[in-house]
Amino acid sequence: MNRNILKSIWAIFAGMITGAALSIGTDFILEKAGVFPLPDQVDFVWWMLLIALIYRGIYTIASGWVTAALAPGRPKYHAILLGIIGFVVTLLGSIANWDKSAAWYPVALILITLPCTWYGGILYERFKKI
């Protein structure tokens, strides 16, 4: 297999791991601190969902940045590929967990995924030039 293909796969995988680890880690900390309910207690109010949406958006941007930084070439393209994969995964996850929160939350997660990873790629290219 071509080395660049392996580097591309690694870049996208690293971006996925970054977003997942940051999101799961923050969820865990907020649950242990008593800010969020435990996963089996479906009792989220709007402000909890808004906080989660904000930090997940930031982490999705970071994921796009990591993918772009590790990409062998065409950083924004790789960040967009990550976003497409993230869109599909978020869509499937939202369908599977639709009844766990207010309907606007999974819809918002789906809608921010691709723009946030793309923006992460843009930020990487901008700061790379500095």
C-alpha atoms as a PDB file:
ATOM      1  CA  MET A   1       0.000   0.000   0.000  1.00  0.00           C
ATOM      2  CA  ASN A   2       1.194   3.499  -0.803  1.00  0.00           C
ATOM      3  CA  ARG A   3       2.809   5.316   2.166  1.00  0.00           C
ATOM      4  CA  ASN A   4       0.688   8.413   1.581  1.00  0.00           C
ATOM      5  CA  ILE A   5      -2.500   6.345   1.779  1.00  0.00           C
ATOM      6  CA  LEU A   6      -1.364   4.936   5.112  1.00  0.00           C
ATOM      7  CA  LYS A   7      -0.509   8.445   6.329  1.00  0.00           C
ATOM      8  CA  SER A   8      -3.937   9.655   5.192  1.00  0.00           C
ATOM      9  CA  ILE A   9      -5.681   6.828   7.026  1.00  0.00           C
ATOM     10  CA  TRP A  10      -3.609   7.555  10.132  1.00  0.00           C
ATOM     11  CA  ALA A  11      -4.403  11.292   9.956  1.00  0.00           C
ATOM     12  CA  ILE A  12      -8.141  10.666   9.759  1.00  0.00           C
ATOM     13  CA  PHE A  13      -8.036   8.005  12.472  1.00  0.00           C
ATOM     14  CA  ALA A  14      -6.031  10.309  14.763  1.00  0.00           C
ATOM     15  CA  GLY A  15      -8.619  13.045  14.251  1.00  0.00           C
ATOM     16  CA  MET A  16     -11.416  10.629  15.138  1.00  0.00           C
ATOM     17  CA  ILE A  17      -9.596   9.498  18.281  1.00  0.00           C
ATOM     18  CA  THR A  18      -8.901  13.105  19.284  1.00  0.00           C
ATOM     19  CA  GLY A  19     -12.553  14.113  19.089  1.00  0.00           C
ATOM     20  CA  ALA A  20     -13.816  10.976  20.787  1.00  0.00           C
ATOM     21  CA  ALA A  21     -11.261  11.069  23.614  1.00  0.00           C
ATOM     22  CA  LEU A  22     -11.848  14.750  24.358  1.00  0.00           C
ATOM     23  CA  SER A  23     -15.647  14.400  24.257  1.00  0.00           C
ATOM     24  CA  ILE A  24     -15.785  11.234  26.347  1.00  0.00           C
ATOM     25  CA  GLY A  25     -13.227  12.638  28.788  1.00  0.00           C
ATOM     26  CA  THR A  26     -15.165  15.872  29.260  1.00  0.00           C
ATOM     27  CA  ASP A  27     -18.451  13.966  29.633  1.00  0.00           C
ATOM     28  CA  PHE A  28     -16.826  11.789  32.308  1.00  0.00           C
ATOM     29  CA  ILE A  29     -15.436  14.773  34.223  1.00  0.00           C
ATOM     30  CA  LEU A  30     -18.751  16.651  34.121  1.00  0.00           C
ATOM     31  CA  GLU A  31     -20.643  13.522  35.238  1.00  0.00           C
ATOM     32  CA  LYS A  32     -18.228  12.873  38.136  1.00  0.00           C
ATOM     33  CA  ALA A  33     -18.424  16.543  39.162  1.00  0.00           C
ATOM     34  CA  GLY A  34     -22.215  16.264  39.278  1.00  0.00           C
ATOM     35  CA  VAL A  35     -22.750  18.861  36.544  1.00  0.00           C
ATOM     36  CA  PHE A  36     -24.224  16.284  34.151  1.00  0.00           C
ATOM     37  CA  PRO A  37     -26.329  13.278  35.115  1.00  0.00           C
ATOM     38  CA  LEU A  38     -24.927   9.785  34.669  1.00  0.00           C
ATOM     39  CA  PRO A  39     -25.591   8.222  31.229  1.00  0.00           C
ATOM     40  CA  ASP A  40     -28.352   5.941  32.552  1.00  0.00           C
ATOM     41  CA  GLN A  41     -30.221   8.933  34.013  1.00  0.00           C
ATOM     42  CA  VAL A  42     -31.734  10.596  30.965  1.00  0.00           C
ATOM     43  CA  ASP A  43     -32.463  13.932  32.592  1.00  0.00           C
ATOM     44  CA  PHE A  44     -30.697  16.541  30.467  1.00  0.00           C
ATOM     45  CA  VAL A  45     -31.960  20.107  30.472  1.00  0.00           C
ATOM     46  CA  TRP A  46     -31.366  22.580  27.670  1.00  0.00           C
ATOM     47  CA  TRP A  47     -28.328  24.288  29.218  1.00  0.00           C
ATOM     48  CA  MET A  48     -26.511  20.959  29.675  1.00  0.00           C
ATOM     49  CA  LEU A  49     -27.108  20.105  26.044  1.00  0.00           C
ATOM     50  CA  LEU A  50     -25.939  23.568  24.979  1.00  0.00           C
ATOM     51  CA  ILE A  51     -22.715  23.181  26.989  1.00  0.00           C
ATOM     52  CA  ALA A  52     -22.152  19.738  25.446  1.00  0.00           C
ATOM     53  CA  LEU A  53     -22.813  21.114  21.952  1.00  0.00           C
ATOM     54  CA  ILE A  54     -20.295  23.927  22.485  1.00  0.00           C
ATOM     55  CA  TYR A  55     -17.454  21.736  23.721  1.00  0.00           C
ATOM     56  CA  ARG A  56     -18.160  19.055  21.136  1.00  0.00           C
ATOM     57  CA  GLY A  57     -18.015  21.713  18.440  1.00  0.00           C
ATOM     58  CA  ILE A  58     -14.667  22.940  19.747  1.00  0.00           C
ATOM     59  CA  TYR A  59     -13.363  19.371  19.924  1.00  0.00           C
ATOM     60  CA  THR A  60     -14.582  18.702  16.388  1.00  0.00           C
ATOM     61  CA  ILE A  61     -12.608  21.729  15.206  1.00  0.00           C
ATOM     62  CA  ALA A  62      -9.577  20.338  17.059  1.00  0.00           C
ATOM     63  CA  SER A  63     -10.120  16.980  15.347  1.00  0.00           C
ATOM     64  CA  GLY A  64     -10.065  18.658  11.960  1.00  0.00           C
ATOM     65  CA  TRP A  65      -6.879  20.487  12.929  1.00  0.00           C
ATOM     66  CA  VAL A  66      -5.167  17.236  14.043  1.00  0.00           C
ATOM     67  CA  THR A  67      -6.188  15.480  10.837  1.00  0.00           C
ATOM     68  CA  ALA A  68      -4.954  18.382   8.711  1.00  0.00           C
ATOM     69  CA  ALA A  69      -1.671  18.558  10.628  1.00  0.00           C
ATOM     70  CA  LEU A  70      -0.975  14.850  10.125  1.00  0.00           C
ATOM     71  CA  ALA A  71      -2.143  14.677   6.512  1.00  0.00           C
ATOM     72  CA  PRO A  72       0.603  13.955   3.959  1.00  0.00           C
ATOM     73  CA  GLY A  73      -0.847  16.643   1.666  1.00  0.00           C
ATOM     74  CA  ARG A  74      -4.064  18.575   1.032  1.00  0.00           C
ATOM     75  CA  PRO A  75      -4.847  19.195   4.717  1.00  0.00           C
ATOM     76  CA  LYS A  76      -8.324  20.702   4.206  1.00  0.00           C
ATOM     77  CA  TYR A  77      -9.296  17.759   2.000  1.00  0.00           C
ATOM     78  CA  HIS A  78      -8.390  15.339   4.790  1.00  0.00           C
ATOM     79  CA  ALA A  79     -10.291  17.433   7.346  1.00  0.00           C
ATOM     80  CA  ILE A  80     -13.342  17.348   5.059  1.00  0.00           C
ATOM     81  CA  LEU A  81     -13.037  13.555   4.707  1.00  0.00           C
ATOM     82  CA  LEU A  82     -12.986  13.347   8.503  1.00  0.00           C
ATOM     83  CA  GLY A  83     -16.087  15.548   8.549  1.00  0.00           C
ATOM     84  CA  ILE A  84     -17.930  13.306   6.103  1.00  0.00           C
ATOM     85  CA  ILE A  85     -17.108  10.236   8.179  1.00  0.00           C
ATOM     86  CA  GLY A  86     -18.077  12.123  11.339  1.00  0.00           C
ATOM     87  CA  PHE A  87     -21.347  13.209   9.734  1.00  0.00           C
ATOM     88  CA  VAL A  88     -22.289   9.606   8.970  1.00  0.00           C
ATOM     89  CA  VAL A  89     -21.256   8.352  12.426  1.00  0.00           C
ATOM     90  CA  THR A  90     -23.100  11.213  14.153  1.00  0.00           C
ATOM     91  CA  LEU A  91     -26.187  10.610  12.028  1.00  0.00           C
ATOM     92  CA  LEU A  92     -26.226   6.903  12.905  1.00  0.00           C
ATOM     93  CA  GLY A  93     -25.569   7.632  16.584  1.00  0.00           C
ATOM     94  CA  SER A  94     -28.327  10.215  16.647  1.00  0.00           C
ATOM     95  CA  ILE A  95     -30.802   7.785  15.117  1.00  0.00           C
ATOM     96  CA  ALA A  96     -29.861   5.108  17.651  1.00  0.00           C
ATOM     97  CA  ASN A  97     -30.124   7.524  20.608  1.00  0.00           C
ATOM     98  CA  TRP A  98     -32.909   9.805  19.404  1.00  0.00           C
ATOM     99  CA  ASP A  99     -34.963   9.499  22.595  1.00  0.00           C
ATOM    100  CA  LYS A 100     -32.059  10.323  24.955  1.00  0.00           C
ATOM    101  CA  SER A 101     -32.308  14.125  24.655  1.00  0.00           C
ATOM    102  CA  ALA A 102     -34.242  17.004  23.143  1.00  0.00           C
ATOM    103  CA  ALA A 103     -34.531  16.609  19.367  1.00  0.00           C
ATOM    104  CA  TRP A 104     -32.600  19.812  18.590  1.00  0.00           C
ATOM    105  CA  TYR A 105     -29.399  18.461  20.148  1.00  0.00           C
ATOM    106  CA  PRO A 106     -28.689  15.503  17.816  1.00  0.00           C
ATOM    107  CA  VAL A 107     -29.793  17.591  14.830  1.00  0.00           C
ATOM    108  CA  ALA A 108     -27.344  20.335  15.851  1.00  0.00           C
ATOM    109  CA  LEU A 109     -24.547  17.767  16.311  1.00  0.00           C
ATOM    110  CA  ILE A 110     -25.179  16.432  12.818  1.00  0.00           C
ATOM    111  CA  LEU A 111     -25.195  19.926  11.320  1.00  0.00           C
ATOM    112  CA  ILE A 112     -21.968  21.155  12.972  1.00  0.00           C
ATOM    113  CA  THR A 113     -19.797  18.119  12.264  1.00  0.00           C
ATOM    114  CA  LEU A 114     -18.657  18.830   8.709  1.00  0.00           C
ATOM    115  CA  PRO A 115     -18.296  22.625   9.066  1.00  0.00           C
ATOM    116  CA  CYS A 116     -16.277  22.226  12.274  1.00  0.00           C
ATOM    117  CA  THR A 117     -13.799  19.707  10.831  1.00  0.00           C
ATOM    118  CA  TRP A 118     -13.451  21.849   7.704  1.00  0.00           C
ATOM    119  CA  TYR A 119     -12.780  24.902   9.882  1.00  0.00           C
ATOM    120  CA  GLY A 120     -10.154  22.921  11.786  1.00  0.00           C
ATOM    121  CA  GLY A 121      -8.421  22.305   8.453  1.00  0.00           C
ATOM    122  CA  ILE A 122      -8.637  26.002   7.603  1.00  0.00           C
ATOM    123  CA  LEU A 123      -7.161  26.969  10.970  1.00  0.00           C
ATOM    124  CA  TYR A 124      -4.296  24.546  10.490  1.00  0.00           C
ATOM    125  CA  GLU A 125      -3.468  26.022   7.075  1.00  0.00           C
ATOM    126  CA  ARG A 126      -3.711  29.571   8.407  1.00  0.00           C
ATOM    127  CA  PHE A 127      -1.458  28.980  11.406  1.00  0.00           C
ATOM    128  CA  LYS A 128       0.978  26.886   9.380  1.00  0.00           C
ATOM    129  CA  LYS A 129       1.779  29.989   7.346  1.00  0.00           C
ATOM    130  CA  ILE A 130       2.675  32.001  10.448  1.00  0.00           C
END
